[in-house]
């Protein structure tokens, strides 16, 4: 069984979010990417509190391709320091998790 992750990425525009999502899925680095529009992020940057409207990407993937996924997001992203945070998946629908395993490069071996 592969270790699954949900990766959170924020983007500065709908176009950037769509481009990242489409690339990750088409390059088999993610099984699915949800794009949630119009989140407001508050953060400290260069000594000042900032707030911006962003688009949140919820990326479903596998640990075995995480380094490649992170590098790919960094090449596609416009931010100097993009948010890329991976969280472990501790359970869920077995059918969905098997599907996820089969959609990500390197996960094909998990198919029944």
C-alpha atoms as a PDB file:
ATOM      1  CA  UNK A   1       0.000   0.000   0.000  1.00  0.00           C
ATOM      2  CA  UNK A   2       1.260   3.461  -0.917  1.00  0.00           C
ATOM      3  CA  UNK A   3       1.397   6.317   1.536  1.00  0.00           C
ATOM      4  CA  UNK A   4      -1.141   8.898   0.447  1.00  0.00           C
ATOM      5  CA  UNK A   5      -0.951  12.635   1.047  1.00  0.00           C
ATOM      6  CA  UNK A   6      -3.099  15.704   0.633  1.00  0.00           C
ATOM      7  CA  UNK A   7      -0.991  18.646  -0.456  1.00  0.00           C
ATOM      8  CA  UNK A   8      -2.220  22.199   0.103  1.00  0.00           C
ATOM      9  CA  UNK A   9      -1.041  24.876  -2.322  1.00  0.00           C
ATOM     10  CA  UNK A  10      -2.260  28.454  -2.628  1.00  0.00           C
ATOM     11  CA  UNK A  11      -2.197  30.409  -5.890  1.00  0.00           C
ATOM     12  CA  UNK A  12      -2.609  34.081  -6.665  1.00  0.00           C
ATOM     13  CA  UNK A  13      -5.127  33.749  -9.488  1.00  0.00           C
ATOM     14  CA  UNK A  14      -7.711  31.374 -10.918  1.00  0.00           C
ATOM     15  CA  UNK A  15      -5.588  30.974 -14.044  1.00  0.00           C
ATOM     16  CA  UNK A  16      -2.488  30.020 -12.074  1.00  0.00           C
ATOM     17  CA  UNK A  17      -4.468  27.569  -9.928  1.00  0.00           C
ATOM     18  CA  UNK A  18      -5.973  25.941 -13.035  1.00  0.00           C
ATOM     19  CA  UNK A  19      -2.593  25.687 -14.747  1.00  0.00           C
ATOM     20  CA  UNK A  20      -0.997  24.034 -11.713  1.00  0.00           C
ATOM     21  CA  UNK A  21      -3.949  21.672 -11.193  1.00  0.00           C
ATOM     22  CA  UNK A  22      -4.089  20.593 -14.826  1.00  0.00           C
ATOM     23  CA  UNK A  23      -0.330  20.052 -15.004  1.00  0.00           C
ATOM     24  CA  UNK A  24      -0.174  17.949 -11.836  1.00  0.00           C
ATOM     25  CA  UNK A  25      -2.966  15.662 -13.022  1.00  0.00           C
ATOM     26  CA  UNK A  26      -1.748  15.418 -16.620  1.00  0.00           C
ATOM     27  CA  UNK A  27       1.803  14.610 -15.492  1.00  0.00           C
ATOM     28  CA  UNK A  28       0.497  11.892 -13.103  1.00  0.00           C
ATOM     29  CA  UNK A  29       1.787  13.693 -10.020  1.00  0.00           C
ATOM     30  CA  UNK A  30      -1.745  13.955  -8.598  1.00  0.00           C
ATOM     31  CA  UNK A  31      -4.880  11.862  -8.874  1.00  0.00           C
ATOM     32  CA  UNK A  32      -7.175  14.827  -8.303  1.00  0.00           C
ATOM     33  CA  UNK A  33      -6.880  18.521  -7.524  1.00  0.00           C
ATOM     34  CA  UNK A  34      -9.734  20.545  -6.086  1.00  0.00           C
ATOM     35  CA  UNK A  35      -9.516  24.307  -6.604  1.00  0.00           C
ATOM     36  CA  UNK A  36     -11.327  26.336  -3.980  1.00  0.00           C
ATOM     37  CA  UNK A  37     -11.775  29.962  -5.055  1.00  0.00           C
ATOM     38  CA  UNK A  38     -11.693  33.156  -3.073  1.00  0.00           C
ATOM     39  CA  UNK A  39      -9.981  32.220   0.171  1.00  0.00           C
ATOM     40  CA  UNK A  40      -8.463  35.112   2.085  1.00  0.00           C
ATOM     41  CA  UNK A  41      -5.005  34.458   3.470  1.00  0.00           C
ATOM     42  CA  UNK A  42      -3.426  36.458   6.288  1.00  0.00           C
ATOM     43  CA  UNK A  43       0.311  36.078   6.768  1.00  0.00           C
ATOM     44  CA  UNK A  44       3.482  37.884   7.722  1.00  0.00           C
ATOM     45  CA  UNK A  45       5.811  38.681   4.813  1.00  0.00           C
ATOM     46  CA  UNK A  46       8.936  40.823   4.959  1.00  0.00           C
ATOM     47  CA  UNK A  47       8.015  42.104   8.411  1.00  0.00           C
ATOM     48  CA  UNK A  48       4.456  43.178   7.667  1.00  0.00           C
ATOM     49  CA  UNK A  49       1.049  41.555   7.989  1.00  0.00           C
ATOM     50  CA  UNK A  50      -0.383  40.891   4.534  1.00  0.00           C
ATOM     51  CA  UNK A  51      -3.773  39.687   3.351  1.00  0.00           C
ATOM     52  CA  UNK A  52      -4.623  38.552  -0.125  1.00  0.00           C
ATOM     53  CA  UNK A  53      -7.316  36.717  -2.015  1.00  0.00           C
ATOM     54  CA  UNK A  54      -5.994  33.355  -3.139  1.00  0.00           C
ATOM     55  CA  UNK A  55      -7.150  30.072  -4.647  1.00  0.00           C
ATOM     56  CA  UNK A  56      -6.559  26.935  -2.572  1.00  0.00           C
ATOM     57  CA  UNK A  57      -5.525  23.738  -4.325  1.00  0.00           C
ATOM     58  CA  UNK A  58      -6.233  20.494  -2.490  1.00  0.00           C
ATOM     59  CA  UNK A  59      -4.019  17.934  -4.184  1.00  0.00           C
ATOM     60  CA  UNK A  60      -4.411  14.171  -3.652  1.00  0.00           C
ATOM     61  CA  UNK A  61      -1.186  12.294  -4.276  1.00  0.00           C
ATOM     62  CA  UNK A  62       1.382   9.781  -2.998  1.00  0.00           C
ATOM     63  CA  UNK A  63       4.465  10.280  -0.839  1.00  0.00           C
ATOM     64  CA  UNK A  64       6.625   8.538  -3.449  1.00  0.00           C
ATOM     65  CA  UNK A  65       6.149  11.418  -5.927  1.00  0.00           C
ATOM     66  CA  UNK A  66       5.999  14.251  -3.372  1.00  0.00           C
ATOM     67  CA  UNK A  67       9.477  15.627  -4.099  1.00  0.00           C
ATOM     68  CA  UNK A  68       8.698  15.746  -7.835  1.00  0.00           C
ATOM     69  CA  UNK A  69       5.305  17.347  -7.130  1.00  0.00           C
ATOM     70  CA  UNK A  70       6.895  20.045  -4.947  1.00  0.00           C
ATOM     71  CA  UNK A  71       9.543  20.811  -7.583  1.00  0.00           C
ATOM     72  CA  UNK A  72       6.899  20.978 -10.325  1.00  0.00           C
ATOM     73  CA  UNK A  73       4.699  23.380  -8.348  1.00  0.00           C
ATOM     74  CA  UNK A  74       7.739  25.567  -7.676  1.00  0.00           C
ATOM     75  CA  UNK A  75       8.518  25.779 -11.409  1.00  0.00           C
ATOM     76  CA  UNK A  76       4.923  26.681 -12.292  1.00  0.00           C
ATOM     77  CA  UNK A  77       4.246  29.107  -9.432  1.00  0.00           C
ATOM     78  CA  UNK A  78       4.558  32.884  -9.575  1.00  0.00           C
ATOM     79  CA  UNK A  79       5.266  33.333  -5.845  1.00  0.00           C
ATOM     80  CA  UNK A  80       8.784  33.703  -4.521  1.00  0.00           C
ATOM     81  CA  UNK A  81       7.857  31.301  -1.702  1.00  0.00           C
ATOM     82  CA  UNK A  82       4.713  29.297  -2.563  1.00  0.00           C
ATOM     83  CA  UNK A  83       2.809  27.466   0.154  1.00  0.00           C
ATOM     84  CA  UNK A  84       3.224  23.715  -0.374  1.00  0.00           C
ATOM     85  CA  UNK A  85       2.248  21.635   2.671  1.00  0.00           C
ATOM     86  CA  UNK A  86       1.731  17.866   2.651  1.00  0.00           C
ATOM     87  CA  UNK A  87      -0.559  16.159   5.159  1.00  0.00           C
ATOM     88  CA  UNK A  88      -0.844  12.385   5.616  1.00  0.00           C
ATOM     89  CA  UNK A  89      -4.044  10.585   4.680  1.00  0.00           C
ATOM     90  CA  UNK A  90      -4.879   8.279   7.581  1.00  0.00           C
ATOM     91  CA  UNK A  91      -7.915   6.578   6.070  1.00  0.00           C
ATOM     92  CA  UNK A  92     -10.949   6.865   3.855  1.00  0.00           C
ATOM     93  CA  UNK A  93     -12.947   4.944   1.307  1.00  0.00           C
ATOM     94  CA  UNK A  94     -10.824   1.957   0.269  1.00  0.00           C
ATOM     95  CA  UNK A  95     -12.246   2.131  -3.243  1.00  0.00           C
ATOM     96  CA  UNK A  96     -11.271   5.789  -3.573  1.00  0.00           C
ATOM     97  CA  UNK A  97      -7.820   5.184  -2.096  1.00  0.00           C
ATOM     98  CA  UNK A  98      -7.177   2.332  -4.568  1.00  0.00           C
ATOM     99  CA  UNK A  99      -8.267   4.633  -7.389  1.00  0.00           C
ATOM    100  CA  UNK A 100      -5.901   7.346  -6.096  1.00  0.00           C
ATOM    101  CA  UNK A 101      -3.028   4.839  -6.032  1.00  0.00           C
ATOM    102  CA  UNK A 102      -3.664   3.944  -9.659  1.00  0.00           C
ATOM    103  CA  UNK A 103      -3.764   7.525 -10.957  1.00  0.00           C
ATOM    104  CA  UNK A 104      -0.382   8.739  -9.729  1.00  0.00           C
ATOM    105  CA  UNK A 105       2.886   7.897 -11.515  1.00  0.00           C
ATOM    106  CA  UNK A 106       4.542   5.115  -9.592  1.00  0.00           C
ATOM    107  CA  UNK A 107       1.233   4.081  -8.045  1.00  0.00           C
ATOM    108  CA  UNK A 108       0.127   1.868 -10.952  1.00  0.00           C
ATOM    109  CA  UNK A 109       1.478  -1.243  -9.214  1.00  0.00           C
ATOM    110  CA  UNK A 110      -1.204  -0.908  -6.519  1.00  0.00           C
ATOM    111  CA  UNK A 111      -4.034  -1.673  -8.941  1.00  0.00           C
ATOM    112  CA  UNK A 112      -5.834  -4.979  -8.382  1.00  0.00           C
END
